[in-house]
Amino acid sequence: MEGKFLVSSNEYPAEGNIYANRSALILDWLLREGIKKQRFSLREVANEVGVSLGLVRRVFGILALKGLLQTEGVRTAKKFFFKKSKPLLESWLEYYNIAKKCKMRTYRSALSGKSELLDTLKKSKLSQKVALALHSAAEAHGYKNTNLNTLELYMLDPAVRSKLEDVLQLEPQERGYEVLLIEPYYESLLNLGTDSDNNIKICPAFLTFLDLYHFPLRGQEQAQFMAERIPDLKSIYKKS
């Protein structure tokens, strides 16, 4: 069974791009934690984020060239400080568009509504194979601002798609959708998610904001609502 693509995707990350999957962990850390620190080192960031020292060095080098990260000292004594959160967020939003970076399939379901879909998913063995995304994630985080009652799911393992289609009784939908299945671009950021009351992982709030910002179905409206209320985003976004 093949779902319909919401938006076709033919863009791929350029090699060495600081907005790629693993390096995005560093950007996420800078916007959430680095902005609060007076100084930090390459090794400190590598240890906290869980990536290689070489990756942090490369990303920091590019950010410094862009004027988004400041340095002091030399060689092993070098320290960094980060104050330009707004331009970094804006440059990330300029690069990342979920409709272009992620493969998405739209469906209708024989099940009656979002509650039954979630209950069915919870009872199956697939609830740990997905994460609530987009408007569904915004609602789970407590920041819903629309009357949409759709179910959007990241597939943590794209191989489960056919099983999800069977369990949730999904049929391809030409226009609109009741259920949206998404193959993630930022798998690393998804691992930072938490579990919902339904024991289904929730996409992290920051990635949910990034996803919604360019999403064609009332996405920017929902993203702005979240950015005005989420502490990690509020101080950055209110300056825009």
Protein backbone atom coordinates (compact mmCIF):
# COMPACT_ATOMS: atom_id res chain seq x y z
CA MET A 1 0.00 0.00 0.00
CA GLU A 2 1.44 3.37 -0.98
CA GLY A 3 0.38 6.60 0.69
CA LYS A 4 0.31 9.85 -1.23
CA PHE A 5 3.14 12.33 -0.79
CA LEU A 6 2.04 15.61 0.78
CA VAL A 7 4.97 17.36 -0.91
CA SER A 8 7.57 15.60 -3.02
CA SER A 9 11.17 15.94 -1.92
CA ASN A 10 14.27 16.06 -4.07
CA GLU A 11 16.61 18.00 -1.81
CA TYR A 12 19.49 16.39 0.04
CA PRO A 13 21.88 17.89 2.59
CA ALA A 14 25.17 19.09 1.22
CA GLU A 15 28.20 17.30 2.64
CA GLY A 16 29.61 19.22 5.55
CA ASN A 17 26.43 21.23 6.07
CA ILE A 18 26.12 22.43 9.67
CA TYR A 19 22.36 21.88 9.50
CA ALA A 20 22.71 18.14 8.80
CA ASN A 21 21.38 15.44 11.12
CA ARG A 22 24.24 15.02 13.63
CA SER A 23 25.51 18.60 13.60
CA ALA A 24 21.98 19.80 14.37
CA LEU A 25 22.52 18.43 17.89
CA ILE A 26 25.19 21.07 18.36
CA LEU A 27 22.98 23.88 17.07
CA ASP A 28 20.17 22.70 19.32
CA TRP A 29 22.54 22.76 22.32
CA LEU A 30 23.75 26.26 21.48
CA LEU A 31 20.20 27.62 21.30
CA ARG A 32 19.00 25.88 24.46
CA GLU A 33 22.10 25.70 26.69
CA GLY A 34 25.00 27.58 25.11
CA ILE A 35 23.12 30.88 25.19
CA LYS A 36 22.97 30.60 29.01
CA LYS A 37 26.72 30.07 29.49
CA GLN A 38 29.40 32.73 29.66
CA ARG A 39 32.10 30.53 28.10
CA PHE A 40 32.47 26.94 26.93
CA SER A 41 35.07 24.72 25.30
CA LEU A 42 34.98 22.30 22.37
CA ARG A 43 35.41 19.30 24.66
CA GLU A 44 32.68 20.47 27.03
CA VAL A 45 30.19 20.69 24.17
CA ALA A 46 31.26 17.35 22.67
CA ASN A 47 30.75 15.63 26.03
CA GLU A 48 27.38 17.24 26.74
CA VAL A 49 25.97 16.68 23.25
CA GLY A 50 27.46 13.23 22.70
CA VAL A 51 29.18 13.90 19.37
CA SER A 52 32.80 13.79 18.28
CA LEU A 53 35.24 16.56 19.09
CA GLY A 54 36.01 16.86 15.38
CA LEU A 55 32.36 17.53 14.52
CA VAL A 56 32.09 20.27 17.15
CA ARG A 57 35.32 21.84 15.90
CA ARG A 58 34.06 21.87 12.30
CA VAL A 59 30.63 23.30 13.16
CA PHE A 60 32.12 25.94 15.45
CA GLY A 61 34.60 26.91 12.74
CA ILE A 62 31.79 27.53 10.25
CA LEU A 63 29.70 29.43 12.79
CA ALA A 64 32.69 31.61 13.67
CA LEU A 65 33.25 32.40 9.98
CA LYS A 66 29.58 33.37 9.71
CA GLY A 67 29.98 35.67 12.71
CA LEU A 68 27.49 33.66 14.77
CA LEU A 69 29.99 32.39 17.35
CA GLN A 70 32.74 34.36 19.10
CA THR A 71 36.10 32.99 20.27
CA GLU A 72 38.87 33.99 22.62
CA GLY A 73 42.26 32.41 23.32
CA VAL A 74 44.24 30.05 21.08
CA ARG A 75 44.65 26.32 20.54
CA THR A 76 43.88 24.23 23.62
CA ALA A 77 43.05 27.34 25.67
CA LYS A 78 40.46 28.53 23.17
CA LYS A 79 37.02 29.32 24.59
CA PHE A 80 33.77 30.18 22.84
CA PHE A 81 30.78 32.32 23.68
CA PHE A 82 27.44 32.51 21.92
CA LYS A 83 25.16 35.55 21.93
CA LYS A 84 23.63 35.61 18.44
CA SER A 85 20.76 33.19 18.91
CA LYS A 86 18.30 35.07 16.71
CA PRO A 87 20.41 35.01 13.49
CA LEU A 88 21.29 31.34 14.07
CA LEU A 89 17.62 30.44 14.43
CA GLU A 90 16.74 32.47 11.35
CA SER A 91 19.48 30.83 9.27
CA TRP A 92 18.30 27.38 10.39
CA LEU A 93 14.73 28.19 9.42
CA GLU A 94 15.95 29.42 6.05
CA TYR A 95 17.69 26.10 5.43
CA TYR A 96 15.19 23.62 6.88
CA ASN A 97 11.73 23.06 5.46
CA ILE A 98 10.03 19.83 6.50
CA ALA A 99 8.02 19.74 3.27
CA LYS A 100 11.25 19.63 1.27
CA LYS A 101 13.46 17.59 3.59
CA CYS A 102 11.08 14.85 4.77
CA LYS A 103 9.09 12.26 2.86
CA MET A 104 5.45 12.45 4.00
CA ARG A 105 2.46 10.25 3.15
CA THR A 106 -1.18 11.18 3.68
CA TYR A 107 -4.00 8.81 4.62
CA ARG A 108 -7.57 8.44 5.75
CA SER A 109 -8.47 5.78 8.31
CA ALA A 110 -11.38 3.42 8.85
CA LEU A 111 -11.01 4.10 12.59
CA SER A 112 -13.19 6.82 14.05
CA GLY A 113 -11.04 9.76 15.03
CA LYS A 114 -7.76 10.57 16.68
CA SER A 115 -8.61 9.02 20.06
CA GLU A 116 -9.31 5.61 18.56
CA LEU A 117 -6.18 5.88 16.42
CA LEU A 118 -4.05 6.59 19.50
CA ASP A 119 -5.72 3.84 21.55
CA THR A 120 -5.15 1.34 18.75
CA LEU A 121 -1.54 2.40 18.40
CA LYS A 122 -0.99 2.15 22.15
CA LYS A 123 -2.35 -1.41 22.23
CA SER A 124 -0.14 -2.48 19.34
CA LYS A 125 3.57 -3.21 19.51
CA LEU A 126 4.24 -0.22 17.29
CA SER A 127 3.78 2.61 19.79
CA GLN A 128 7.54 2.75 20.48
CA LYS A 129 8.30 2.84 16.75
CA VAL A 130 6.76 6.27 16.21
CA ALA A 131 6.78 9.78 17.67
CA LEU A 132 4.03 12.37 17.70
CA ALA A 133 4.90 15.16 15.27
CA LEU A 134 3.74 18.59 14.08
CA HIS A 135 0.26 19.55 15.39
CA SER A 136 -0.04 16.27 17.34
CA ALA A 137 3.25 17.01 19.11
CA ALA A 138 2.21 20.61 19.81
CA GLU A 139 -0.95 19.31 21.46
CA ALA A 140 0.98 16.74 23.52
CA HIS A 141 3.33 19.48 24.74
CA GLY A 142 0.31 21.56 25.79
CA TYR A 143 0.61 24.27 23.12
CA LYS A 144 -2.21 23.46 20.70
CA ASN A 145 -3.60 26.52 18.93
CA THR A 146 -5.75 25.04 16.14
CA ASN A 147 -8.93 22.98 15.86
CA LEU A 148 -7.20 20.31 13.74
CA ASN A 149 -7.83 16.75 14.91
CA THR A 150 -5.33 15.03 12.64
CA LEU A 151 -2.65 12.54 13.69
CA GLU A 152 0.91 13.17 12.54
CA LEU A 153 3.55 10.56 13.28
CA TYR A 154 7.27 10.35 12.75
CA MET A 155 8.33 6.81 11.89
CA LEU A 156 11.44 6.10 13.97
CA ASP A 157 12.00 3.13 11.69
CA PRO A 158 10.63 3.65 8.15
CA ALA A 159 10.37 -0.13 7.76
CA VAL A 160 7.29 -0.12 10.05
CA ARG A 161 5.18 1.84 7.55
CA SER A 162 3.32 -1.18 6.14
CA LYS A 163 2.54 -2.43 9.66
CA LEU A 164 1.23 0.99 10.67
CA GLU A 165 -0.97 1.06 7.59
CA ASP A 166 -2.47 -2.30 8.58
CA VAL A 167 -2.90 -1.62 12.31
CA LEU A 168 -4.39 1.86 11.82
CA GLN A 169 -6.48 0.74 8.81
CA LEU A 170 -5.02 3.41 6.56
CA GLU A 171 -5.91 4.13 2.95
CA PRO A 172 -4.11 6.69 0.76
CA GLN A 173 -5.75 10.12 0.75
CA GLU A 174 -5.46 12.33 -2.33
CA ARG A 175 -6.23 15.67 -0.67
CA GLY A 176 -5.89 16.54 2.99
CA TYR A 177 -5.34 13.79 5.52
CA GLU A 178 -6.48 12.20 8.75
CA VAL A 179 -3.13 10.52 9.36
CA LEU A 180 0.28 11.70 8.19
CA LEU A 181 3.33 9.40 8.30
CA ILE A 182 6.72 11.10 8.10
CA GLU A 183 10.24 9.80 7.52
CA PRO A 184 12.49 11.99 9.72
CA TYR A 185 15.34 14.18 8.54
CA TYR A 186 16.57 14.95 12.06
CA GLU A 187 16.70 11.46 13.60
CA SER A 188 19.25 12.61 16.18
CA LEU A 189 17.00 15.38 17.50
CA LEU A 190 14.07 12.96 17.67
CA ASN A 191 16.03 10.90 20.21
CA LEU A 192 15.71 13.85 22.61
CA GLY A 193 11.93 13.40 22.75
CA THR A 194 9.92 12.34 25.79
CA ASP A 195 7.07 9.88 26.26
CA SER A 196 3.44 11.03 26.21
CA ASP A 197 0.57 9.81 28.38
CA ASN A 198 -0.10 7.25 25.65
CA ASN A 199 3.46 5.90 25.98
CA ILE A 200 4.20 7.27 22.52
CA LYS A 201 7.30 9.40 22.14
CA ILE A 202 6.76 13.12 21.52
CA CYS A 203 8.91 15.03 19.08
CA PRO A 204 10.98 17.58 21.10
CA ALA A 205 9.41 21.01 21.33
CA PHE A 206 12.25 22.75 19.48
CA LEU A 207 12.13 20.35 16.53
CA THR A 208 8.33 20.62 16.53
CA PHE A 209 8.73 24.38 16.13
CA LEU A 210 11.17 23.92 13.23
CA ASP A 211 8.85 21.41 11.55
CA LEU A 212 5.74 23.54 11.90
CA TYR A 213 7.27 26.80 10.74
CA HIS A 214 7.12 25.91 7.03
CA PHE A 215 4.39 23.26 7.24
CA PRO A 216 1.64 24.11 4.70
CA LEU A 217 -1.34 23.33 6.95
CA ARG A 218 -1.59 26.13 9.57
CA GLY A 219 2.01 25.45 10.52
CA GLN A 220 3.44 28.92 11.00
CA GLU A 221 0.46 29.99 13.09
CA GLN A 222 1.04 27.03 15.42
CA ALA A 223 4.83 27.53 15.44
CA GLN A 224 4.51 31.19 16.44
CA PHE A 225 2.07 30.28 19.22
CA MET A 226 4.63 27.82 20.63
CA ALA A 227 7.55 30.23 20.25
CA GLU A 228 5.76 32.85 22.32
CA ARG A 229 5.35 30.40 25.21
CA ILE A 230 8.21 27.87 25.26
CA PRO A 231 10.98 29.28 27.50
CA ASP A 232 13.84 28.04 25.28
CA LEU A 233 12.30 29.77 22.25
CA LYS A 234 10.55 32.75 23.78
CA SER A 235 13.66 34.84 24.45
CA ILE A 236 14.88 34.32 20.87
CA TYR A 237 11.68 34.56 18.90
CA LYS A 238 10.22 37.63 20.60
CA LYS A 239 13.09 39.68 19.15
CA SER A 240 12.10 38.83 15.58
